[in-house]
C-alpha cells in the first residue's frame, strides 16, 4: 500500500485542480458588425479585424511557450440579423501573418447557415487551407472575415446575383485559440 504524507497529498490535489481548472486558451477577437451591400462592394465582402482589434495578449510566437499553432480554433458566429430566405451563407476566416510564405495567408470557414442563430465549430490549426503559408513564430498582423455563398473560394457574396439574400447582415464573431492538448472551455468566453 502506498502512503502519501499530508504535504504530498496537498501538492497532488493542488496540481490536479490547477491543471484542470483552466483551458490554455485566449480570445483572439470578439467583434460585432453590420455589412451592407455598399460596404461589401467597397471591401470585396471582407471585414478586416485589424491589429488594434486583436486581443492585446495575443502571443507573437504561436509555437511557444503555449503551442497554439498545433492546437485548435473555436469559431463562434452569432448571426444577429440577415435578410429573409434560406440561401446558404458562410464566412471564411483568414489569418494574415506578419511574415508568410507560399501564398502568404491561410483560411478556414464557419459552417453554412440559412437563418439567424449561433453557430459554433472546432477546427484543427494544422488542417485548414494553407495553414503552412504562415510563419507562426512571427505572429499575426490581422484577420479577414469574408462573406460567401456555398460555392467555395471565389463565391464572394457581393459578386452573386442574389445579393438581396445576403445584405444587410449583422453578426458577432468570436474566435478562441486553444493550445495543443488543451480543451476549449466555454466558461472563459466573453459575454
N, C-alpha and C. Protein backbone atom coordinates (compact mmCIF):
# COMPACT_ATOMS: atom_id res chain seq x y z
N UNK A 1 0.84 -1.18 0.00
CA UNK A 1 0.00 0.00 0.00
C UNK A 1 0.89 1.25 0.00
N UNK A 2 0.56 2.20 -0.86
CA UNK A 2 1.32 3.45 -0.95
C UNK A 2 0.69 4.46 -0.01
N UNK A 3 1.52 5.09 0.79
CA UNK A 3 1.03 6.13 1.71
C UNK A 3 1.67 7.45 1.32
N UNK A 4 0.82 8.46 1.21
CA UNK A 4 1.31 9.80 0.93
C UNK A 4 1.22 10.62 2.20
N UNK A 5 2.26 11.39 2.49
CA UNK A 5 2.16 12.26 3.65
C UNK A 5 1.25 13.43 3.31
N UNK A 6 0.74 14.16 4.27
CA UNK A 6 -0.21 15.25 4.02
C UNK A 6 0.31 16.30 3.05
N UNK A 7 1.59 16.62 3.09
CA UNK A 7 2.13 17.63 2.18
C UNK A 7 2.11 17.11 0.74
N UNK A 8 2.52 15.86 0.53
CA UNK A 8 2.49 15.27 -0.81
C UNK A 8 1.07 15.20 -1.33
N UNK A 9 0.13 14.83 -0.47
CA UNK A 9 -1.27 14.74 -0.86
C UNK A 9 -1.81 16.12 -1.26
N UNK A 10 -1.49 17.15 -0.49
CA UNK A 10 -1.91 18.52 -0.82
C UNK A 10 -1.35 18.96 -2.17
N UNK A 11 -0.05 18.71 -2.39
CA UNK A 11 0.58 19.10 -3.65
C UNK A 11 -0.06 18.38 -4.83
N UNK A 12 -0.37 17.09 -4.67
CA UNK A 12 -1.00 16.33 -5.74
C UNK A 12 -2.34 16.95 -6.11
N UNK A 13 -3.20 17.25 -5.13
CA UNK A 13 -4.52 17.82 -5.42
C UNK A 13 -4.41 19.24 -5.94
N UNK A 14 -3.46 20.01 -5.46
CA UNK A 14 -3.28 21.38 -5.95
C UNK A 14 -2.90 21.37 -7.43
N UNK A 15 -1.99 20.48 -7.81
CA UNK A 15 -1.59 20.38 -9.22
C UNK A 15 -2.77 19.90 -10.06
N UNK A 16 -3.52 18.94 -9.58
CA UNK A 16 -4.67 18.42 -10.33
C UNK A 16 -5.72 19.50 -10.54
N UNK A 17 -6.02 20.28 -9.52
CA UNK A 17 -7.03 21.33 -9.63
C UNK A 17 -6.56 22.45 -10.55
N UNK A 18 -5.34 22.92 -10.36
CA UNK A 18 -4.82 23.98 -11.20
C UNK A 18 -4.73 23.52 -12.66
N UNK A 19 -4.26 22.30 -12.88
CA UNK A 19 -4.11 21.80 -14.24
C UNK A 19 -5.42 21.60 -14.97
N UNK A 20 -6.52 21.38 -14.24
CA UNK A 20 -7.79 21.12 -14.91
C UNK A 20 -8.77 22.27 -14.81
N UNK A 21 -8.43 23.32 -14.08
CA UNK A 21 -9.41 24.39 -13.84
C UNK A 21 -9.49 25.39 -14.99
N UNK A 22 -8.49 25.46 -15.85
CA UNK A 22 -8.49 26.48 -16.90
C UNK A 22 -7.86 25.92 -18.16
N UNK A 23 -8.60 26.04 -19.25
CA UNK A 23 -8.02 25.63 -20.54
C UNK A 23 -6.98 26.65 -20.94
N UNK A 24 -5.98 26.24 -21.67
CA UNK A 24 -4.96 27.13 -22.18
C UNK A 24 -5.50 27.73 -23.47
N UNK A 25 -6.21 28.82 -23.32
CA UNK A 25 -6.87 29.44 -24.47
C UNK A 25 -6.90 30.95 -24.31
N UNK A 26 -7.09 31.64 -25.45
CA UNK A 26 -7.31 33.07 -25.39
C UNK A 26 -8.25 33.46 -26.52
N UNK A 27 -8.99 34.54 -26.29
CA UNK A 27 -9.88 35.07 -27.31
C UNK A 27 -9.02 35.92 -28.25
N UNK A 28 -8.91 35.52 -29.50
CA UNK A 28 -8.14 36.29 -30.47
C UNK A 28 -8.87 37.58 -30.82
N UNK A 29 -10.18 37.47 -31.05
CA UNK A 29 -11.00 38.66 -31.28
C UNK A 29 -12.46 38.36 -30.98
N UNK A 30 -13.20 39.42 -30.70
CA UNK A 30 -14.64 39.35 -30.44
C UNK A 30 -15.22 40.63 -31.03
N UNK A 31 -15.82 40.55 -32.21
CA UNK A 31 -16.30 41.73 -32.92
C UNK A 31 -17.76 41.55 -33.34
N UNK A 32 -18.47 42.66 -33.30
CA UNK A 32 -19.85 42.71 -33.80
C UNK A 32 -19.88 43.79 -34.87
N UNK A 33 -20.47 43.46 -36.02
CA UNK A 33 -20.52 44.44 -37.11
C UNK A 33 -21.68 44.14 -38.05
N UNK A 34 -22.05 45.15 -38.80
CA UNK A 34 -23.05 45.01 -39.85
C UNK A 34 -22.35 45.20 -41.18
N UNK A 35 -22.75 44.42 -42.19
CA UNK A 35 -22.22 44.58 -43.53
C UNK A 35 -23.37 44.88 -44.49
N UNK A 36 -23.29 46.04 -45.12
CA UNK A 36 -24.27 46.41 -46.13
C UNK A 36 -23.73 46.03 -47.51
N UNK A 37 -24.58 46.10 -48.51
CA UNK A 37 -24.14 45.81 -49.88
C UNK A 37 -23.08 46.81 -50.33
N UNK A 38 -23.27 48.09 -50.00
CA UNK A 38 -22.29 49.11 -50.38
C UNK A 38 -20.93 48.82 -49.76
N UNK A 39 -20.91 48.45 -48.47
CA UNK A 39 -19.65 48.12 -47.80
C UNK A 39 -19.02 46.87 -48.41
N UNK A 40 -19.86 45.89 -48.73
CA UNK A 40 -19.35 44.66 -49.34
C UNK A 40 -18.75 44.93 -50.71
N UNK A 41 -19.39 45.81 -51.49
CA UNK A 41 -18.83 46.17 -52.80
C UNK A 41 -17.48 46.85 -52.64
N UNK A 42 -17.41 47.76 -51.68
CA UNK A 42 -16.18 48.52 -51.46
C UNK A 42 -15.04 47.64 -50.97
N UNK A 43 -15.35 46.68 -50.08
CA UNK A 43 -14.30 45.86 -49.45
C UNK A 43 -14.28 44.42 -49.96
N UNK A 44 -14.99 44.16 -51.06
CA UNK A 44 -15.00 42.83 -51.68
C UNK A 44 -15.45 41.75 -50.69
N UNK A 45 -16.54 42.04 -49.96
CA UNK A 45 -17.15 41.13 -48.98
C UNK A 45 -16.26 40.84 -47.78
N UNK A 46 -15.21 41.64 -47.57
CA UNK A 46 -14.29 41.45 -46.45
C UNK A 46 -14.63 42.39 -45.29
N UNK A 47 -14.46 41.86 -44.07
CA UNK A 47 -14.43 42.69 -42.87
C UNK A 47 -13.06 42.43 -42.26
N UNK A 48 -12.31 43.49 -42.01
CA UNK A 48 -10.94 43.33 -41.50
C UNK A 48 -10.89 43.55 -39.99
N UNK A 49 -10.35 42.55 -39.30
CA UNK A 49 -10.08 42.64 -37.87
C UNK A 49 -8.61 43.07 -37.78
N UNK A 50 -8.41 44.36 -37.57
CA UNK A 50 -7.06 44.92 -37.59
C UNK A 50 -6.31 44.61 -36.29
N UNK A 51 -5.02 44.87 -36.30
CA UNK A 51 -4.16 44.58 -35.15
C UNK A 51 -4.70 45.21 -33.87
N UNK A 52 -5.25 46.43 -33.98
CA UNK A 52 -5.79 47.13 -32.81
C UNK A 52 -7.01 46.40 -32.24
N UNK A 53 -7.68 45.60 -33.05
CA UNK A 53 -8.88 44.88 -32.62
C UNK A 53 -8.57 43.49 -32.07
N UNK A 54 -7.34 43.01 -32.29
CA UNK A 54 -6.94 41.71 -31.76
C UNK A 54 -6.64 41.85 -30.27
N UNK A 55 -6.81 40.77 -29.55
CA UNK A 55 -6.51 40.73 -28.13
C UNK A 55 -5.06 41.18 -27.90
N UNK A 56 -4.88 42.08 -26.97
CA UNK A 56 -3.53 42.60 -26.67
C UNK A 56 -2.61 41.49 -26.15
N UNK A 57 -3.19 40.41 -25.61
CA UNK A 57 -2.40 39.30 -25.07
C UNK A 57 -2.05 38.25 -26.12
N UNK A 58 -2.35 38.53 -27.39
CA UNK A 58 -2.02 37.59 -28.46
C UNK A 58 -0.50 37.42 -28.52
N UNK A 59 -0.03 36.16 -28.46
CA UNK A 59 1.42 35.97 -28.48
C UNK A 59 2.02 36.29 -29.85
N UNK A 60 3.25 36.75 -29.84
CA UNK A 60 3.94 36.92 -31.13
C UNK A 60 4.30 35.55 -31.68
N UNK A 61 4.87 34.71 -30.86
CA UNK A 61 5.25 33.35 -31.26
C UNK A 61 4.12 32.40 -30.88
N UNK A 62 3.47 31.82 -31.87
CA UNK A 62 2.33 30.93 -31.63
C UNK A 62 2.77 29.49 -31.36
N UNK A 63 4.08 29.25 -31.26
CA UNK A 63 4.57 27.89 -31.04
C UNK A 63 5.09 27.66 -29.63
N UNK A 64 5.43 28.74 -28.91
CA UNK A 64 6.00 28.60 -27.57
C UNK A 64 5.84 29.91 -26.81
N UNK A 65 5.64 29.92 -25.50
CA UNK A 65 5.62 28.71 -24.67
C UNK A 65 4.32 27.91 -24.85
N UNK A 66 3.19 28.54 -25.18
CA UNK A 66 1.97 27.79 -25.49
C UNK A 66 1.96 27.44 -26.98
N UNK A 67 1.67 26.20 -27.32
CA UNK A 67 1.67 25.78 -28.72
C UNK A 67 0.27 25.94 -29.32
N UNK A 68 -0.05 27.17 -29.74
CA UNK A 68 -1.34 27.45 -30.37
C UNK A 68 -1.32 27.06 -31.84
N UNK A 69 -0.18 27.04 -32.46
CA UNK A 69 -0.06 26.68 -33.87
C UNK A 69 -0.57 25.26 -34.12
N UNK A 70 -0.35 24.35 -33.19
CA UNK A 70 -0.77 22.96 -33.33
C UNK A 70 -2.00 22.63 -32.50
N UNK A 71 -2.70 23.66 -32.03
CA UNK A 71 -3.90 23.47 -31.25
C UNK A 71 -5.15 23.50 -32.12
N UNK A 72 -6.20 24.13 -31.59
CA UNK A 72 -7.47 24.21 -32.31
C UNK A 72 -8.01 25.63 -32.26
N UNK A 73 -8.96 25.88 -33.13
CA UNK A 73 -9.69 27.14 -33.16
C UNK A 73 -11.12 26.82 -32.76
N UNK A 74 -11.69 27.64 -31.90
CA UNK A 74 -13.13 27.55 -31.64
C UNK A 74 -13.77 28.78 -32.28
N UNK A 75 -14.52 28.55 -33.36
CA UNK A 75 -15.22 29.63 -34.06
C UNK A 75 -16.64 29.72 -33.52
N UNK A 76 -17.02 30.91 -33.12
CA UNK A 76 -18.41 31.15 -32.69
C UNK A 76 -18.94 32.30 -33.52
N UNK A 77 -19.96 32.01 -34.32
CA UNK A 77 -20.61 33.01 -35.16
C UNK A 77 -22.05 33.15 -34.69
N UNK A 78 -22.42 34.35 -34.31
CA UNK A 78 -23.80 34.64 -33.95
C UNK A 78 -24.38 35.53 -35.05
N UNK A 79 -25.32 34.99 -35.80
CA UNK A 79 -25.99 35.74 -36.85
C UNK A 79 -27.15 36.48 -36.18
N UNK A 80 -26.98 37.79 -36.03
CA UNK A 80 -27.96 38.61 -35.32
C UNK A 80 -29.10 39.07 -36.22
N UNK A 81 -28.76 39.42 -37.45
CA UNK A 81 -29.76 39.86 -38.42
C UNK A 81 -29.31 39.43 -39.80
N UNK A 82 -30.28 39.01 -40.62
CA UNK A 82 -30.00 38.67 -42.02
C UNK A 82 -31.29 38.82 -42.80
N UNK A 83 -31.20 38.99 -44.11
CA UNK A 83 -32.41 39.08 -44.92
C UNK A 83 -33.18 37.76 -44.92
N UNK A 84 -34.44 37.83 -45.25
CA UNK A 84 -35.27 36.63 -45.35
C UNK A 84 -34.74 35.73 -46.46
N UNK A 85 -35.02 34.46 -46.33
CA UNK A 85 -34.58 33.49 -47.33
C UNK A 85 -33.64 32.48 -46.73
N UNK A 86 -33.51 31.35 -47.42
CA UNK A 86 -32.69 30.27 -46.88
C UNK A 86 -31.48 29.96 -47.76
N UNK A 87 -30.87 31.03 -48.29
CA UNK A 87 -29.67 30.87 -49.11
C UNK A 87 -28.49 30.55 -48.19
N UNK A 88 -27.80 29.42 -48.40
CA UNK A 88 -26.66 29.07 -47.53
C UNK A 88 -25.56 30.13 -47.60
N UNK A 89 -25.06 30.48 -46.43
CA UNK A 89 -24.03 31.50 -46.28
C UNK A 89 -22.93 30.96 -45.37
N UNK A 90 -21.71 31.36 -45.64
CA UNK A 90 -20.58 31.02 -44.78
C UNK A 90 -19.63 32.21 -44.74
N UNK A 91 -18.68 32.17 -43.83
CA UNK A 91 -17.63 33.18 -43.73
C UNK A 91 -16.29 32.47 -43.74
N UNK A 92 -15.39 32.94 -44.57
CA UNK A 92 -14.00 32.49 -44.48
C UNK A 92 -13.32 33.33 -43.42
N UNK A 93 -12.52 32.68 -42.60
CA UNK A 93 -11.78 33.33 -41.52
C UNK A 93 -10.30 33.15 -41.85
N UNK A 94 -9.65 34.26 -42.22
CA UNK A 94 -8.29 34.18 -42.74
C UNK A 94 -7.29 34.86 -41.81
N UNK A 95 -6.19 34.15 -41.59
CA UNK A 95 -5.07 34.66 -40.80
C UNK A 95 -4.09 35.35 -41.75
N UNK A 96 -3.79 36.61 -41.46
CA UNK A 96 -2.80 37.36 -42.24
C UNK A 96 -1.60 37.59 -41.34
N UNK A 97 -0.50 36.92 -41.63
CA UNK A 97 0.64 36.92 -40.72
C UNK A 97 1.54 38.13 -40.90
N UNK A 98 2.38 38.34 -39.90
CA UNK A 98 3.45 39.33 -40.02
C UNK A 98 4.45 38.89 -41.08
N UNK A 99 4.65 37.58 -41.19
CA UNK A 99 5.56 37.04 -42.19
C UNK A 99 4.97 35.74 -42.72
N UNK A 100 4.87 35.66 -44.04
CA UNK A 100 4.30 34.47 -44.66
C UNK A 100 5.24 33.84 -45.65
N UNK A 101 4.78 32.76 -46.25
CA UNK A 101 5.49 32.06 -47.31
C UNK A 101 4.44 31.50 -48.25
N UNK A 102 4.84 30.92 -49.36
CA UNK A 102 3.90 30.43 -50.37
C UNK A 102 2.93 31.55 -50.72
N UNK A 103 1.61 31.36 -50.47
CA UNK A 103 0.66 32.42 -50.83
C UNK A 103 0.54 33.49 -49.75
N UNK A 104 1.09 33.26 -48.56
CA UNK A 104 1.18 34.30 -47.54
C UNK A 104 0.03 34.42 -46.56
N UNK A 105 -0.97 33.55 -46.62
CA UNK A 105 -2.06 33.57 -45.64
C UNK A 105 -2.77 32.22 -45.66
N UNK A 106 -3.61 31.98 -44.64
CA UNK A 106 -4.36 30.73 -44.57
C UNK A 106 -5.76 30.98 -44.01
N UNK A 107 -6.72 30.13 -44.41
CA UNK A 107 -8.13 30.36 -44.04
C UNK A 107 -8.84 29.07 -43.65
N UNK A 108 -9.85 29.24 -42.83
CA UNK A 108 -10.83 28.20 -42.53
C UNK A 108 -12.20 28.82 -42.75
N UNK A 109 -13.25 28.06 -42.53
CA UNK A 109 -14.62 28.56 -42.75
C UNK A 109 -15.51 28.24 -41.57
N UNK A 110 -16.53 29.08 -41.41
CA UNK A 110 -17.61 28.74 -40.49
C UNK A 110 -18.46 27.68 -41.18
N UNK A 111 -19.36 27.10 -40.43
CA UNK A 111 -20.30 26.19 -41.09
C UNK A 111 -21.32 27.02 -41.87
N UNK A 112 -22.01 26.39 -42.80
CA UNK A 112 -23.05 27.07 -43.56
C UNK A 112 -24.24 27.34 -42.65
N UNK A 113 -24.89 28.47 -42.88
CA UNK A 113 -26.11 28.77 -42.15
C UNK A 113 -27.15 29.35 -43.11
N UNK A 114 -28.42 29.24 -42.72
CA UNK A 114 -29.52 29.77 -43.52
C UNK A 114 -30.45 30.66 -42.71
N UNK A 115 -30.21 30.75 -41.41
CA UNK A 115 -31.08 31.57 -40.56
C UNK A 115 -30.29 32.17 -39.41
N UNK A 116 -30.92 33.10 -38.71
CA UNK A 116 -30.29 33.71 -37.55
C UNK A 116 -30.07 32.66 -36.47
N UNK A 117 -29.05 32.89 -35.64
CA UNK A 117 -28.75 31.95 -34.57
C UNK A 117 -27.27 31.88 -34.30
N UNK A 118 -26.88 30.95 -33.43
CA UNK A 118 -25.48 30.77 -33.04
C UNK A 118 -24.95 29.51 -33.70
N UNK A 119 -23.77 29.63 -34.30
CA UNK A 119 -23.11 28.53 -34.99
C UNK A 119 -21.69 28.42 -34.46
N UNK A 120 -21.33 27.22 -33.98
CA UNK A 120 -20.01 27.01 -33.42
C UNK A 120 -19.32 25.86 -34.12
N UNK A 121 -18.01 25.95 -34.20
CA UNK A 121 -17.23 24.94 -34.92
C UNK A 121 -15.82 24.89 -34.35
N UNK A 122 -15.28 23.68 -34.24
CA UNK A 122 -13.89 23.47 -33.84
C UNK A 122 -13.08 23.12 -35.09
N UNK A 123 -11.91 23.71 -35.21
CA UNK A 123 -11.06 23.47 -36.37
C UNK A 123 -9.64 23.20 -35.89
N UNK A 124 -9.03 22.17 -36.43
CA UNK A 124 -7.64 21.85 -36.13
C UNK A 124 -6.74 22.85 -36.86
N UNK A 125 -5.82 23.47 -36.16
CA UNK A 125 -4.95 24.50 -36.74
C UNK A 125 -4.04 23.96 -37.85
N UNK A 126 -3.83 22.66 -37.92
CA UNK A 126 -2.95 22.11 -38.94
C UNK A 126 -3.73 21.54 -40.12
N UNK A 127 -5.05 21.81 -40.17
CA UNK A 127 -5.85 21.20 -41.24
C UNK A 127 -6.61 22.20 -42.08
N UNK A 128 -6.47 23.49 -41.84
CA UNK A 128 -7.21 24.41 -42.70
C UNK A 128 -6.37 24.82 -43.90
N UNK A 129 -7.02 25.43 -44.88
CA UNK A 129 -6.43 25.78 -46.16
C UNK A 129 -5.21 26.68 -45.98
N UNK A 130 -4.08 26.23 -46.48
CA UNK A 130 -2.81 26.97 -46.48
C UNK A 130 -2.32 27.38 -45.09
N UNK A 131 -2.61 26.57 -44.08
CA UNK A 131 -2.11 26.83 -42.72
C UNK A 131 -0.60 26.92 -42.68
N UNK A 132 0.05 26.21 -43.62
CA UNK A 132 1.52 26.20 -43.65
C UNK A 132 2.11 27.37 -44.44
N UNK A 133 1.25 28.30 -44.88
CA UNK A 133 1.75 29.52 -45.54
C UNK A 133 2.07 30.62 -44.54
N UNK A 134 1.81 30.34 -43.27
CA UNK A 134 2.02 31.31 -42.21
C UNK A 134 3.25 30.90 -41.41
N UNK A 135 4.13 31.85 -41.17
CA UNK A 135 5.27 31.59 -40.28
C UNK A 135 4.79 31.95 -38.88
N UNK A 136 4.35 30.93 -38.15
CA UNK A 136 3.66 31.11 -36.87
C UNK A 136 4.55 31.69 -35.79
N UNK A 137 5.84 31.55 -35.89
CA UNK A 137 6.74 32.13 -34.88
C UNK A 137 6.78 33.66 -34.98
N UNK A 138 6.28 34.21 -36.08
CA UNK A 138 6.30 35.66 -36.30
C UNK A 138 4.97 36.35 -36.00
N UNK A 139 3.93 35.60 -35.69
CA UNK A 139 2.66 36.19 -35.27
C UNK A 139 1.72 36.60 -36.40
N UNK A 140 0.60 37.17 -35.99
CA UNK A 140 -0.49 37.56 -36.88
C UNK A 140 -0.62 39.08 -36.85
N UNK A 141 -0.80 39.69 -38.02
CA UNK A 141 -0.97 41.15 -38.07
C UNK A 141 -2.43 41.56 -38.15
N UNK A 142 -3.29 40.70 -38.74
CA UNK A 142 -4.72 40.97 -38.79
C UNK A 142 -5.45 39.74 -39.28
N UNK A 143 -6.79 39.81 -39.23
CA UNK A 143 -7.64 38.74 -39.72
C UNK A 143 -8.60 39.32 -40.74
N UNK A 144 -9.01 38.49 -41.69
CA UNK A 144 -10.03 38.88 -42.66
C UNK A 144 -11.20 37.92 -42.54
N UNK A 145 -12.40 38.48 -42.46
CA UNK A 145 -13.63 37.70 -42.45
C UNK A 145 -14.32 37.97 -43.77
N UNK A 146 -14.56 36.92 -44.55
CA UNK A 146 -15.06 37.08 -45.91
C UNK A 146 -16.40 36.36 -46.06
N UNK A 147 -17.44 37.13 -46.37
CA UNK A 147 -18.78 36.57 -46.52
C UNK A 147 -18.92 35.93 -47.90
N UNK A 148 -19.43 34.68 -47.91
CA UNK A 148 -19.53 33.92 -49.15
C UNK A 148 -20.82 33.11 -49.18
N UNK A 149 -21.16 32.68 -50.40
CA UNK A 149 -22.21 31.69 -50.57
C UNK A 149 -21.60 30.31 -50.38
N UNK A 150 -22.33 29.28 -50.80
CA UNK A 150 -21.81 27.92 -50.60
C UNK A 150 -21.02 27.40 -51.79
N UNK A 151 -20.60 28.30 -52.69
CA UNK A 151 -19.87 27.90 -53.89
C UNK A 151 -18.37 27.81 -53.73
N UNK A 152 -17.85 27.99 -52.53
CA UNK A 152 -16.42 27.85 -52.32
C UNK A 152 -15.65 29.15 -52.40
N UNK A 153 -14.35 29.03 -52.65
CA UNK A 153 -13.38 30.11 -52.56
C UNK A 153 -13.74 31.43 -53.21
N UNK A 154 -14.21 31.42 -54.43
CA UNK A 154 -14.46 32.67 -55.16
C UNK A 154 -15.92 33.12 -55.09
N UNK A 155 -16.74 32.49 -54.27
CA UNK A 155 -18.18 32.80 -54.21
C UNK A 155 -18.47 33.94 -53.24
N UNK A 156 -17.74 35.05 -53.40
CA UNK A 156 -17.93 36.21 -52.53
C UNK A 156 -19.35 36.74 -52.67
N UNK A 157 -19.97 37.06 -51.55
CA UNK A 157 -21.38 37.45 -51.53
C UNK A 157 -21.67 38.66 -52.40
N UNK A 158 -20.80 39.64 -52.46
CA UNK A 158 -21.08 40.87 -53.22
C UNK A 158 -21.09 40.63 -54.73
N UNK A 159 -20.54 39.51 -55.20
CA UNK A 159 -20.50 39.21 -56.63
C UNK A 159 -21.68 38.36 -57.10
N UNK A 160 -22.46 37.87 -56.19
CA UNK A 160 -23.58 37.00 -56.55
C UNK A 160 -24.74 37.79 -57.14
N UNK A 161 -25.56 37.11 -57.91
CA UNK A 161 -26.74 37.75 -58.49
C UNK A 161 -27.86 37.92 -57.49
N UNK A 162 -27.84 37.15 -56.42
CA UNK A 162 -28.91 37.19 -55.40
C UNK A 162 -28.46 37.90 -54.12
N UNK A 163 -27.81 39.04 -54.26
CA UNK A 163 -27.25 39.74 -53.09
C UNK A 163 -28.31 40.16 -52.08
N UNK A 164 -29.56 40.25 -52.51
CA UNK A 164 -30.63 40.63 -51.57
C UNK A 164 -30.81 39.59 -50.45
N UNK A 165 -30.27 38.38 -50.65
CA UNK A 165 -30.34 37.34 -49.61
C UNK A 165 -29.17 37.41 -48.63
N UNK A 166 -28.23 38.31 -48.89
CA UNK A 166 -27.04 38.41 -48.05
C UNK A 166 -26.94 39.72 -47.26
N UNK A 167 -27.45 40.80 -47.84
CA UNK A 167 -27.25 42.13 -47.25
C UNK A 167 -28.57 42.83 -46.99
N UNK A 168 -28.63 43.60 -45.91
CA UNK A 168 -27.60 43.76 -44.87
C UNK A 168 -27.60 42.57 -43.91
N UNK A 169 -26.45 42.34 -43.30
CA UNK A 169 -26.27 41.27 -42.33
C UNK A 169 -25.54 41.85 -41.12
N UNK A 170 -25.97 41.42 -39.94
CA UNK A 170 -25.28 41.82 -38.70
C UNK A 170 -24.87 40.55 -37.97
N UNK A 171 -23.57 40.47 -37.60
CA UNK A 171 -23.05 39.27 -36.95
C UNK A 171 -22.14 39.65 -35.78
N UNK A 172 -21.97 38.68 -34.91
CA UNK A 172 -20.94 38.76 -33.87
C UNK A 172 -20.03 37.55 -34.05
N UNK A 173 -18.75 37.81 -34.19
CA UNK A 173 -17.73 36.78 -34.36
C UNK A 173 -16.85 36.74 -33.13
N UNK A 174 -16.65 35.55 -32.60
CA UNK A 174 -15.69 35.35 -31.53
C UNK A 174 -14.80 34.18 -31.92
N UNK A 175 -13.50 34.40 -31.90
CA UNK A 175 -12.57 33.34 -32.26
C UNK A 175 -11.65 33.08 -31.06
N UNK A 176 -11.64 31.84 -30.62
CA UNK A 176 -10.84 31.44 -29.46
C UNK A 176 -9.76 30.47 -29.92
N UNK A 177 -8.53 30.77 -29.55
CA UNK A 177 -7.39 29.90 -29.84
C UNK A 177 -7.15 29.00 -28.63
N UNK A 178 -7.05 27.70 -28.87
CA UNK A 178 -6.82 26.72 -27.81
C UNK A 178 -5.50 26.01 -28.10
N UNK A 179 -4.65 25.93 -27.10
CA UNK A 179 -3.32 25.35 -27.31
C UNK A 179 -3.39 23.83 -27.47
N UNK A 180 -2.33 23.29 -28.03
CA UNK A 180 -2.22 21.84 -28.26
C UNK A 180 -2.42 21.09 -26.94
N UNK A 181 -3.27 20.08 -26.98
CA UNK A 181 -3.52 19.25 -25.81
C UNK A 181 -4.57 19.78 -24.86
N UNK A 182 -4.98 21.04 -25.02
CA UNK A 182 -6.00 21.63 -24.13
C UNK A 182 -7.38 21.46 -24.76
N UNK A 183 -8.41 21.59 -23.95
CA UNK A 183 -9.79 21.52 -24.41
C UNK A 183 -10.41 22.90 -24.28
N UNK A 184 -11.22 23.27 -25.26
CA UNK A 184 -11.95 24.53 -25.23
C UNK A 184 -12.84 24.58 -24.00
N UNK A 185 -12.80 25.70 -23.28
CA UNK A 185 -13.63 25.91 -22.09
C UNK A 185 -14.60 27.04 -22.33
N UNK A 186 -15.90 26.74 -22.57
CA UNK A 186 -16.87 27.81 -22.85
C UNK A 186 -17.06 28.78 -21.69
N UNK A 187 -16.70 28.39 -20.50
CA UNK A 187 -16.84 29.29 -19.34
C UNK A 187 -15.93 30.50 -19.45
N UNK A 188 -14.89 30.41 -20.29
CA UNK A 188 -13.93 31.51 -20.42
C UNK A 188 -14.27 32.44 -21.60
N UNK A 189 -15.41 32.20 -22.25
CA UNK A 189 -15.84 33.05 -23.37
C UNK A 189 -16.35 34.38 -22.86
N UNK A 190 -16.16 35.46 -23.64
CA UNK A 190 -16.75 36.75 -23.25
C UNK A 190 -18.26 36.68 -23.35
N UNK A 191 -18.93 37.49 -22.54
CA UNK A 191 -20.40 37.50 -22.58
C UNK A 191 -20.91 38.45 -23.60
